[in-house]
């Protein structure tokens, strides 16, 4: 499991969205991809699917967990305050 949180001062939050900042989905996916690489699974070649279930605010800790279903894929789940925020699966690049 990897923990991630975006600092409240991050420049992308000013426009996403004014008055109620939310961590952009692409930033959460980037954190997932980094966790996959750091865990030694290799490089992500393709996002097979992703489902954004709940918003994540600045400085909210997100727990990223990874599972290996085989066949060159990695499944991921991101929990925020114990609730599912994002789940999906990636395809890994061939070595």
PDB file of N, CA and C in Angstrom:
ATOM      1  N   UNK A   1       0.847  -1.181   0.000  1.00  0.00           N
ATOM      2  CA  UNK A   1       0.000   0.000   0.000  1.00  0.00           C
ATOM      3  C   UNK A   1       0.892   1.243   0.000  1.00  0.00           C
ATOM      4  N   UNK A   2       0.478   2.217  -0.765  1.00  0.00           N
ATOM      5  CA  UNK A   2       1.183   3.487  -0.882  1.00  0.00           C
ATOM      6  C   UNK A   2       0.218   4.588  -0.472  1.00  0.00           C
ATOM      7  N   UNK A   3       0.728   5.573   0.223  1.00  0.00           N
ATOM      8  CA  UNK A   3      -0.108   6.729   0.598  1.00  0.00           C
ATOM      9  C   UNK A   3       0.275   7.928  -0.257  1.00  0.00           C
ATOM     10  N   UNK A   4      -0.741   8.691  -0.658  1.00  0.00           N
ATOM     11  CA  UNK A   4      -0.541   9.880  -1.482  1.00  0.00           C
ATOM     12  C   UNK A   4      -1.477  10.969  -0.987  1.00  0.00           C
ATOM     13  N   UNK A   5      -1.003  12.208  -1.008  1.00  0.00           N
ATOM     14  CA  UNK A   5      -1.893  13.357  -0.796  1.00  0.00           C
ATOM     15  C   UNK A   5      -1.306  14.552  -1.539  1.00  0.00           C
ATOM     16  N   UNK A   6      -2.194  15.383  -2.053  1.00  0.00           N
ATOM     17  CA  UNK A   6      -1.768  16.559  -2.800  1.00  0.00           C
ATOM     18  C   UNK A   6      -1.769  17.768  -1.872  1.00  0.00           C
ATOM     19  N   UNK A   7      -0.667  18.513  -1.844  1.00  0.00           N
ATOM     20  CA  UNK A   7      -0.629  19.705  -1.002  1.00  0.00           C
ATOM     21  C   UNK A   7      -1.680  20.735  -1.437  1.00  0.00           C
ATOM     22  N   UNK A   8      -2.249  21.418  -0.484  1.00  0.00           N
ATOM     23  CA  UNK A   8      -3.286  22.419  -0.783  1.00  0.00           C
ATOM     24  C   UNK A   8      -2.761  23.555  -1.654  1.00  0.00           C
ATOM     25  N   UNK A   9      -1.459  23.789  -1.640  1.00  0.00           N
ATOM     26  CA  UNK A   9      -0.880  24.881  -2.421  1.00  0.00           C
ATOM     27  C   UNK A   9      -0.536  24.473  -3.858  1.00  0.00           C
ATOM     28  N   UNK A  10      -0.840  23.250  -4.257  1.00  0.00           N
ATOM     29  CA  UNK A  10      -0.500  22.808  -5.612  1.00  0.00           C
ATOM     30  C   UNK A  10      -1.197  23.715  -6.624  1.00  0.00           C
ATOM     31  N   UNK A  11      -0.479  24.181  -7.655  1.00  0.00           N
ATOM     32  CA  UNK A  11      -1.054  25.160  -8.589  1.00  0.00           C
ATOM     33  C   UNK A  11      -2.272  24.675  -9.378  1.00  0.00           C
ATOM     34  N   UNK A  12      -2.416  23.376  -9.610  1.00  0.00           N
ATOM     35  CA  UNK A  12      -3.559  22.905 -10.410  1.00  0.00           C
ATOM     36  C   UNK A  12      -4.882  23.059  -9.657  1.00  0.00           C
ATOM     37  N   UNK A  13      -4.829  23.174  -8.352  1.00  0.00           N
ATOM     38  CA  UNK A  13      -6.072  23.244  -7.569  1.00  0.00           C
ATOM     39  C   UNK A  13      -6.807  24.577  -7.722  1.00  0.00           C
ATOM     40  N   UNK A  14      -6.090  25.615  -8.085  1.00  0.00           N
ATOM     41  CA  UNK A  14      -6.727  26.935  -8.234  1.00  0.00           C
ATOM     42  C   UNK A  14      -7.823  26.913  -9.296  1.00  0.00           C
ATOM     43  N   UNK A  15      -7.642  26.148 -10.350  1.00  0.00           N
ATOM     44  CA  UNK A  15      -8.641  26.103 -11.410  1.00  0.00           C
ATOM     45  C   UNK A  15      -9.477  24.836 -11.412  1.00  0.00           C
ATOM     46  N   UNK A  16      -9.306  24.003 -10.406  1.00  0.00           N
ATOM     47  CA  UNK A  16      -9.986  22.695 -10.415  1.00  0.00           C
ATOM     48  C   UNK A  16     -10.594  22.388  -9.060  1.00  0.00           C
ATOM     49  N   UNK A  17     -11.506  22.954  -8.573  1.00  0.00           N
ATOM     50  CA  UNK A  17     -12.420  23.960  -9.088  1.00  0.00           C
ATOM     51  C   UNK A  17     -12.446  25.117  -8.093  1.00  0.00           C
ATOM     52  N   UNK A  18     -12.566  26.352  -8.577  1.00  0.00           N
ATOM     53  CA  UNK A  18     -12.578  27.497  -7.669  1.00  0.00           C
ATOM     54  C   UNK A  18     -13.685  27.366  -6.617  1.00  0.00           C
ATOM     55  N   UNK A  19     -13.315  27.582  -5.373  1.00  0.00           N
ATOM     56  CA  UNK A  19     -14.286  27.494  -4.280  1.00  0.00           C
ATOM     57  C   UNK A  19     -14.420  26.109  -3.692  1.00  0.00           C
ATOM     58  N   UNK A  20     -14.123  25.065  -4.448  1.00  0.00           N
ATOM     59  CA  UNK A  20     -14.154  23.681  -3.952  1.00  0.00           C
ATOM     60  C   UNK A  20     -13.103  22.867  -4.689  1.00  0.00           C
ATOM     61  N   UNK A  21     -11.848  23.038  -4.283  1.00  0.00           N
ATOM     62  CA  UNK A  21     -10.781  22.353  -5.015  1.00  0.00           C
ATOM     63  C   UNK A  21     -10.868  20.836  -4.901  1.00  0.00           C
ATOM     64  N   UNK A  22     -10.612  20.179  -6.017  1.00  0.00           N
ATOM     65  CA  UNK A  22     -10.589  18.717  -6.092  1.00  0.00           C
ATOM     66  C   UNK A  22      -9.310  18.278  -6.790  1.00  0.00           C
ATOM     67  N   UNK A  23      -8.741  17.194  -6.330  1.00  0.00           N
ATOM     68  CA  UNK A  23      -7.558  16.643  -6.987  1.00  0.00           C
ATOM     69  C   UNK A  23      -7.997  16.099  -8.353  1.00  0.00           C
ATOM     70  N   UNK A  24      -7.364  16.555  -9.437  1.00  0.00           N
ATOM     71  CA  UNK A  24      -7.749  16.074 -10.764  1.00  0.00           C
ATOM     72  C   UNK A  24      -7.528  14.566 -10.903  1.00  0.00           C
ATOM     73  N   UNK A  25      -8.416  13.925 -11.628  1.00  0.00           N
ATOM     74  CA  UNK A  25      -8.318  12.489 -11.835  1.00  0.00           C
ATOM     75  C   UNK A  25      -7.003  12.077 -12.459  1.00  0.00           C
ATOM     76  N   UNK A  26      -6.483  12.880 -13.378  1.00  0.00           N
ATOM     77  CA  UNK A  26      -5.219  12.537 -14.028  1.00  0.00           C
ATOM     78  C   UNK A  26      -4.074  12.526 -13.012  1.00  0.00           C
ATOM     79  N   UNK A  27      -4.158  13.361 -11.990  1.00  0.00           N
ATOM     80  CA  UNK A  27      -3.124  13.384 -10.950  1.00  0.00           C
ATOM     81  C   UNK A  27      -3.214  12.119 -10.098  1.00  0.00           C
ATOM     82  N   UNK A  28      -4.431  11.689  -9.782  1.00  0.00           N
ATOM     83  CA  UNK A  28      -4.589  10.435  -9.036  1.00  0.00           C
ATOM     84  C   UNK A  28      -4.060   9.250  -9.848  1.00  0.00           C
ATOM     85  N   UNK A  29      -4.368   9.235 -11.133  1.00  0.00           N
ATOM     86  CA  UNK A  29      -3.863   8.150 -11.984  1.00  0.00           C
ATOM     87  C   UNK A  29      -2.338   8.169 -12.060  1.00  0.00           C
ATOM     88  N   UNK A  30      -1.755   9.349 -12.112  1.00  0.00           N
ATOM     89  CA  UNK A  30      -0.300   9.449 -12.132  1.00  0.00           C
ATOM     90  C   UNK A  30       0.294   8.870 -10.846  1.00  0.00           C
ATOM     91  N   UNK A  31      -0.357   9.117  -9.708  1.00  0.00           N
ATOM     92  CA  UNK A  31       0.100   8.550  -8.434  1.00  0.00           C
ATOM     93  C   UNK A  31       0.004   7.027  -8.466  1.00  0.00           C
ATOM     94  N   UNK A  32      -1.055   6.495  -9.064  1.00  0.00           N
ATOM     95  CA  UNK A  32      -1.209   5.046  -9.202  1.00  0.00           C
ATOM     96  C   UNK A  32      -0.090   4.485 -10.088  1.00  0.00           C
ATOM     97  N   UNK A  33       0.158   5.119 -11.228  1.00  0.00           N
ATOM     98  CA  UNK A  33       1.202   4.649 -12.143  1.00  0.00           C
ATOM     99  C   UNK A  33       2.569   4.663 -11.454  1.00  0.00           C
ATOM    100  N   UNK A  34       2.839   5.713 -10.686  1.00  0.00           N
ATOM    101  CA  UNK A  34       4.102   5.802  -9.949  1.00  0.00           C
ATOM    102  C   UNK A  34       4.203   4.693  -8.907  1.00  0.00           C
ATOM    103  N   UNK A  35       3.091   4.389  -8.239  1.00  0.00           N
ATOM    104  CA  UNK A  35       3.085   3.312  -7.241  1.00  0.00           C
ATOM    105  C   UNK A  35       3.357   1.957  -7.898  1.00  0.00           C
ATOM    106  N   UNK A  36       2.808   1.751  -9.084  1.00  0.00           N
ATOM    107  CA  UNK A  36       3.031   0.497  -9.816  1.00  0.00           C
ATOM    108  C   UNK A  36       4.503   0.339 -10.165  1.00  0.00           C
ATOM    109  N   UNK A  37       5.110   1.400 -10.668  1.00  0.00           N
ATOM    110  CA  UNK A  37       6.527   1.356 -11.021  1.00  0.00           C
ATOM    111  C   UNK A  37       7.387   1.164  -9.771  1.00  0.00           C
ATOM    112  N   UNK A  38       7.090   1.913  -8.714  1.00  0.00           N
ATOM    113  CA  UNK A  38       7.868   1.820  -7.470  1.00  0.00           C
ATOM    114  C   UNK A  38       7.773   0.432  -6.844  1.00  0.00           C
ATOM    115  N   UNK A  39       6.649  -0.249  -7.049  1.00  0.00           N
ATOM    116  CA  UNK A  39       6.465  -1.592  -6.493  1.00  0.00           C
ATOM    117  C   UNK A  39       7.199  -2.659  -7.317  1.00  0.00           C
ATOM    118  N   UNK A  40       7.832  -2.243  -8.416  1.00  0.00           N
ATOM    119  CA  UNK A  40       8.612  -3.177  -9.213  1.00  0.00           C
ATOM    120  C   UNK A  40       7.834  -3.930 -10.265  1.00  0.00           C
ATOM    121  N   UNK A  41       6.636  -3.451 -10.576  1.00  0.00           N
ATOM    122  CA  UNK A  41       5.816  -4.139 -11.578  1.00  0.00           C
ATOM    123  C   UNK A  41       6.164  -3.740 -13.007  1.00  0.00           C
ATOM    124  N   UNK A  42       6.953  -2.694 -13.187  1.00  0.00           N
ATOM    125  CA  UNK A  42       7.306  -2.240 -14.519  1.00  0.00           C
ATOM    126  C   UNK A  42       6.554  -0.969 -14.892  1.00  0.00           C
ATOM    127  N   UNK A  43       6.472  -0.757 -16.188  1.00  0.00           N
ATOM    128  CA  UNK A  43       5.878   0.467 -16.728  1.00  0.00           C
ATOM    129  C   UNK A  43       4.468   0.201 -17.236  1.00  0.00           C
ATOM    130  N   UNK A  44       3.595   1.161 -17.030  1.00  0.00           N
ATOM    131  CA  UNK A  44       2.220   1.056 -17.525  1.00  0.00           C
ATOM    132  C   UNK A  44       2.199   1.359 -19.017  1.00  0.00           C
ATOM    133  N   UNK A  45       1.588   0.457 -19.779  1.00  0.00           N
ATOM    134  CA  UNK A  45       1.453   0.653 -21.224  1.00  0.00           C
ATOM    135  C   UNK A  45       0.090   1.227 -21.583  1.00  0.00           C
ATOM    136  N   UNK A  46      -0.938   0.805 -20.811  1.00  0.00           N
ATOM    137  CA  UNK A  46      -2.296   1.206 -21.186  1.00  0.00           C
ATOM    138  C   UNK A  46      -3.205   1.142 -19.962  1.00  0.00           C
ATOM    139  N   UNK A  47      -4.068   2.126 -19.871  1.00  0.00           N
ATOM    140  CA  UNK A  47      -5.119   2.115 -18.851  1.00  0.00           C
ATOM    141  C   UNK A  47      -6.289   1.333 -19.427  1.00  0.00           C
ATOM    142  N   UNK A  48      -6.571   0.175 -18.858  1.00  0.00           N
ATOM    143  CA  UNK A  48      -7.657  -0.671 -19.363  1.00  0.00           C
ATOM    144  C   UNK A  48      -9.015  -0.089 -18.984  1.00  0.00           C
ATOM    145  N   UNK A  49      -9.145   0.312 -17.715  1.00  0.00           N
ATOM    146  CA  UNK A  49     -10.366   0.988 -17.275  1.00  0.00           C
ATOM    147  C   UNK A  49     -10.113   1.632 -15.923  1.00  0.00           C
ATOM    148  N   UNK A  50     -10.905   2.669 -15.648  1.00  0.00           N
ATOM    149  CA  UNK A  50     -10.844   3.359 -14.362  1.00  0.00           C
ATOM    150  C   UNK A  50     -12.230   3.874 -14.033  1.00  0.00           C
ATOM    151  N   UNK A  51     -12.565   3.800 -12.760  1.00  0.00           N
ATOM    152  CA  UNK A  51     -13.859   4.303 -12.316  1.00  0.00           C
ATOM    153  C   UNK A  51     -13.626   5.233 -11.138  1.00  0.00           C
ATOM    154  N   UNK A  52     -13.978   6.495 -11.328  1.00  0.00           N
ATOM    155  CA  UNK A  52     -13.872   7.492 -10.274  1.00  0.00           C
ATOM    156  C   UNK A  52     -15.196   7.495  -9.515  1.00  0.00           C
ATOM    157  N   UNK A  53     -15.136   7.147  -8.243  1.00  0.00           N
ATOM    158  CA  UNK A  53     -16.349   6.941  -7.458  1.00  0.00           C
ATOM    159  C   UNK A  53     -16.653   8.116  -6.527  1.00  0.00           C
ATOM    160  N   UNK A  54     -15.599   8.733  -5.981  1.00  0.00           N
ATOM    161  CA  UNK A  54     -15.786   9.827  -5.027  1.00  0.00           C
ATOM    162  C   UNK A  54     -14.678  10.857  -5.217  1.00  0.00           C
ATOM    163  N   UNK A  55     -14.984  12.124  -4.966  1.00  0.00           N
ATOM    164  CA  UNK A  55     -13.962  13.160  -5.112  1.00  0.00           C
ATOM    165  C   UNK A  55     -12.920  13.077  -3.994  1.00  0.00           C
ATOM    166  N   UNK A  56     -11.732  13.571  -4.314  1.00  0.00           N
ATOM    167  CA  UNK A  56     -10.642  13.650  -3.346  1.00  0.00           C
ATOM    168  C   UNK A  56     -10.228  15.112  -3.254  1.00  0.00           C
ATOM    169  N   UNK A  57     -10.177  15.629  -2.048  1.00  0.00           N
ATOM    170  CA  UNK A  57      -9.783  17.016  -1.832  1.00  0.00           C
ATOM    171  C   UNK A  57      -8.303  17.136  -1.528  1.00  0.00           C
ATOM    172  N   UNK A  58      -7.803  18.371  -1.534  1.00  0.00           N
ATOM    173  CA  UNK A  58      -6.402  18.582  -1.207  1.00  0.00           C
ATOM    174  C   UNK A  58      -6.099  18.119   0.215  1.00  0.00           C
ATOM    175  N   UNK A  59      -4.905  17.572   0.376  1.00  0.00           N
ATOM    176  CA  UNK A  59      -4.380  17.102   1.653  1.00  0.00           C
ATOM    177  C   UNK A  59      -5.130  15.908   2.243  1.00  0.00           C
ATOM    178  N   UNK A  60      -6.082  15.362   1.514  1.00  0.00           N
ATOM    179  CA  UNK A  60      -6.741  14.139   1.972  1.00  0.00           C
ATOM    180  C   UNK A  60      -5.849  12.953   1.617  1.00  0.00           C
ATOM    181  N   UNK A  61      -5.500  12.124   2.600  1.00  0.00           N
ATOM    182  CA  UNK A  61      -4.661  10.970   2.284  1.00  0.00           C
ATOM    183  C   UNK A  61      -5.423   9.923   1.472  1.00  0.00           C
ATOM    184  N   UNK A  62      -4.763   9.416   0.467  1.00  0.00           N
ATOM    185  CA  UNK A  62      -5.313   8.377  -0.397  1.00  0.00           C
ATOM    186  C   UNK A  62      -4.418   7.153  -0.249  1.00  0.00           C
ATOM    187  N   UNK A  63      -5.012   6.016   0.037  1.00  0.00           N
ATOM    188  CA  UNK A  63      -4.273   4.761   0.134  1.00  0.00           C
ATOM    189  C   UNK A  63      -4.432   3.998  -1.172  1.00  0.00           C
ATOM    190  N   UNK A  64      -3.314   3.747  -1.826  1.00  0.00           N
ATOM    191  CA  UNK A  64      -3.313   3.050  -3.113  1.00  0.00           C
ATOM    192  C   UNK A  64      -2.894   1.600  -2.864  1.00  0.00           C
ATOM    193  N   UNK A  65      -3.771   0.669  -3.217  1.00  0.00           N
ATOM    194  CA  UNK A  65      -3.412  -0.751  -3.097  1.00  0.00           C
ATOM    195  C   UNK A  65      -3.426  -1.380  -4.491  1.00  0.00           C
ATOM    196  N   UNK A  66      -2.495  -2.302  -4.687  1.00  0.00           N
ATOM    197  CA  UNK A  66      -2.310  -2.946  -5.983  1.00  0.00           C
ATOM    198  C   UNK A  66      -2.475  -4.447  -5.837  1.00  0.00           C
ATOM    199  N   UNK A  67      -3.063  -5.075  -6.854  1.00  0.00           N
ATOM    200  CA  UNK A  67      -3.125  -6.536  -6.916  1.00  0.00           C
ATOM    201  C   UNK A  67      -2.731  -6.964  -8.321  1.00  0.00           C
ATOM    202  N   UNK A  68      -2.177  -8.159  -8.403  1.00  0.00           N
ATOM    203  CA  UNK A  68      -1.693  -8.690  -9.669  1.00  0.00           C
ATOM    204  C   UNK A  68      -2.604  -9.824 -10.122  1.00  0.00           C
ATOM    205  N   UNK A  69      -3.575  -9.531 -11.012  1.00  0.00           N
ATOM    206  CA  UNK A  69      -4.460 -10.595 -11.490  1.00  0.00           C
ATOM    207  C   UNK A  69      -3.808 -11.486 -12.551  1.00  0.00           C
ATOM    208  N   UNK A  70      -2.569 -11.172 -12.921  1.00  0.00           N
ATOM    209  CA  UNK A  70      -1.869 -11.968 -13.929  1.00  0.00           C
ATOM    210  C   UNK A  70      -2.036 -11.410 -15.321  1.00  0.00           C
ATOM    211  N   UNK A  71      -1.455 -12.095 -16.287  1.00  0.00           N
ATOM    212  CA  UNK A  71      -1.564 -11.734 -17.709  1.00  0.00           C
ATOM    213  C   UNK A  71      -1.079 -10.313 -17.995  1.00  0.00           C
ATOM    214  N   UNK A  72      -0.041  -9.856 -17.256  1.00  0.00           N
ATOM    215  CA  UNK A  72       0.524  -8.542 -17.528  1.00  0.00           C
ATOM    216  C   UNK A  72      -0.365  -7.386 -17.133  1.00  0.00           C
ATOM    217  N   UNK A  73      -1.201  -7.600 -16.133  1.00  0.00           N
ATOM    218  CA  UNK A  73      -2.122  -6.547 -15.686  1.00  0.00           C
ATOM    219  C   UNK A  73      -1.906  -6.282 -14.194  1.00  0.00           C
ATOM    220  N   UNK A  74      -2.266  -5.071 -13.771  1.00  0.00           N
ATOM    221  CA  UNK A  74      -2.283  -4.703 -12.360  1.00  0.00           C
ATOM    222  C   UNK A  74      -3.610  -4.007 -12.089  1.00  0.00           C
ATOM    223  N   UNK A  75      -4.312  -4.481 -11.066  1.00  0.00           N
ATOM    224  CA  UNK A  75      -5.555  -3.839 -10.626  1.00  0.00           C
ATOM    225  C   UNK A  75      -5.211  -2.900  -9.475  1.00  0.00           C
ATOM    226  N   UNK A  76      -5.951  -1.817  -9.359  1.00  0.00           N
ATOM    227  CA  UNK A  76      -5.689  -0.856  -8.289  1.00  0.00           C
ATOM    228  C   UNK A  76      -6.993  -0.377  -7.653  1.00  0.00           C
ATOM    229  N   UNK A  77      -6.851   0.018  -6.389  1.00  0.00           N
ATOM    230  CA  UNK A  77      -7.954   0.620  -5.622  1.00  0.00           C
ATOM    231  C   UNK A  77      -7.371   1.770  -4.828  1.00  0.00           C
ATOM    232  N   UNK A  78      -8.072   2.891  -4.808  1.00  0.00           N
ATOM    233  CA  UNK A  78      -7.662   4.058  -4.042  1.00  0.00           C
ATOM    234  C   UNK A  78      -8.755   4.370  -3.028  1.00  0.00           C
ATOM    235  N   UNK A  79      -8.381   4.329  -1.758  1.00  0.00           N
ATOM    236  CA  UNK A  79      -9.317   4.618  -0.677  1.00  0.00           C
ATOM    237  C   UNK A  79      -8.993   5.972  -0.073  1.00  0.00           C
ATOM    238  N   UNK A  80     -10.026   6.737   0.209  1.00  0.00           N
ATOM    239  CA  UNK A  80      -9.880   8.039   0.853  1.00  0.00           C
ATOM    240  C   UNK A  80     -10.839   8.048   2.040  1.00  0.00           C
ATOM    241  N   UNK A  81     -10.305   8.190   3.239  1.00  0.00           N
ATOM    242  CA  UNK A  81     -11.102   8.147   4.472  1.00  0.00           C
ATOM    243  C   UNK A  81     -11.894   6.836   4.553  1.00  0.00           C
ATOM    244  N   UNK A  82     -11.287   5.761   4.088  1.00  0.00           N
ATOM    245  CA  UNK A  82     -11.900   4.442   4.162  1.00  0.00           C
ATOM    246  C   UNK A  82     -12.911   4.133   3.079  1.00  0.00           C
ATOM    247  N   UNK A  83     -13.198   5.115   2.220  1.00  0.00           N
ATOM    248  CA  UNK A  83     -14.181   4.915   1.142  1.00  0.00           C
ATOM    249  C   UNK A  83     -13.470   4.832  -0.204  1.00  0.00           C
ATOM    250  N   UNK A  84     -14.020   4.036  -1.094  1.00  0.00           N
ATOM    251  CA  UNK A  84     -13.449   3.896  -2.430  1.00  0.00           C
ATOM    252  C   UNK A  84     -13.571   5.209  -3.196  1.00  0.00           C
ATOM    253  N   UNK A  85     -12.445   5.692  -3.725  1.00  0.00           N
ATOM    254  CA  UNK A  85     -12.443   6.907  -4.536  1.00  0.00           C
ATOM    255  C   UNK A  85     -12.181   6.589  -6.010  1.00  0.00           C
ATOM    256  N   UNK A  86     -11.372   5.552  -6.275  1.00  0.00           N
ATOM    257  CA  UNK A  86     -10.970   5.217  -7.632  1.00  0.00           C
ATOM    258  C   UNK A  86     -10.579   3.753  -7.680  1.00  0.00           C
ATOM    259  N   UNK A  87     -10.963   3.079  -8.749  1.00  0.00           N
ATOM    260  CA  UNK A  87     -10.514   1.707  -8.969  1.00  0.00           C
ATOM    261  C   UNK A  87     -10.311   1.509 -10.471  1.00  0.00           C
ATOM    262  N   UNK A  88      -9.545   0.485 -10.813  1.00  0.00           N
ATOM    263  CA  UNK A  88      -9.342   0.214 -12.219  1.00  0.00           C
ATOM    264  C   UNK A  88      -8.266  -0.823 -12.446  1.00  0.00           C
ATOM    265  N   UNK A  89      -7.801  -0.860 -13.690  1.00  0.00           N
ATOM    266  CA  UNK A  89      -6.803  -1.840 -14.083  1.00  0.00           C
ATOM    267  C   UNK A  89      -5.953  -1.281 -15.204  1.00  0.00           C
ATOM    268  N   UNK A  90      -4.667  -1.635 -15.179  1.00  0.00           N
ATOM    269  CA  UNK A  90      -3.745  -1.219 -16.231  1.00  0.00           C
ATOM    270  C   UNK A  90      -3.129  -2.451 -16.876  1.00  0.00           C
ATOM    271  N   UNK A  91      -2.615  -2.240 -18.060  1.00  0.00           N
ATOM    272  CA  UNK A  91      -1.842  -3.261 -18.761  1.00  0.00           C
ATOM    273  C   UNK A  91      -0.390  -2.816 -18.707  1.00  0.00           C
ATOM    274  N   UNK A  92       0.499  -3.729 -18.385  1.00  0.00           N
ATOM    275  CA  UNK A  92       1.919  -3.402 -18.273  1.00  0.00           C
ATOM    276  C   UNK A  92       2.617  -3.516 -19.618  1.00  0.00           C
ATOM    277  N   UNK A  93       3.678  -2.718 -19.788  1.00  0.00           N
ATOM    278  CA  UNK A  93       4.496  -2.814 -20.991  1.00  0.00           C
ATOM    279  C   UNK A  93       5.276  -4.112 -20.967  1.00  0.00           C
ATOM    280  N   UNK A  94       5.500  -4.683 -22.113  1.00  0.00           N
ATOM    281  CA  UNK A  94       6.311  -5.904 -22.201  1.00  0.00           C
ATOM    282  C   UNK A  94       7.747  -5.573 -21.833  1.00  0.00           C
ATOM    283  N   UNK A  95       8.403  -6.491 -21.111  1.00  0.00           N
ATOM    284  CA  UNK A  95       9.799  -6.216 -20.712  1.00  0.00           C
ATOM    285  C   UNK A  95      10.751  -6.160 -21.874  1.00  0.00           C
TER     286      UNK A  95
END
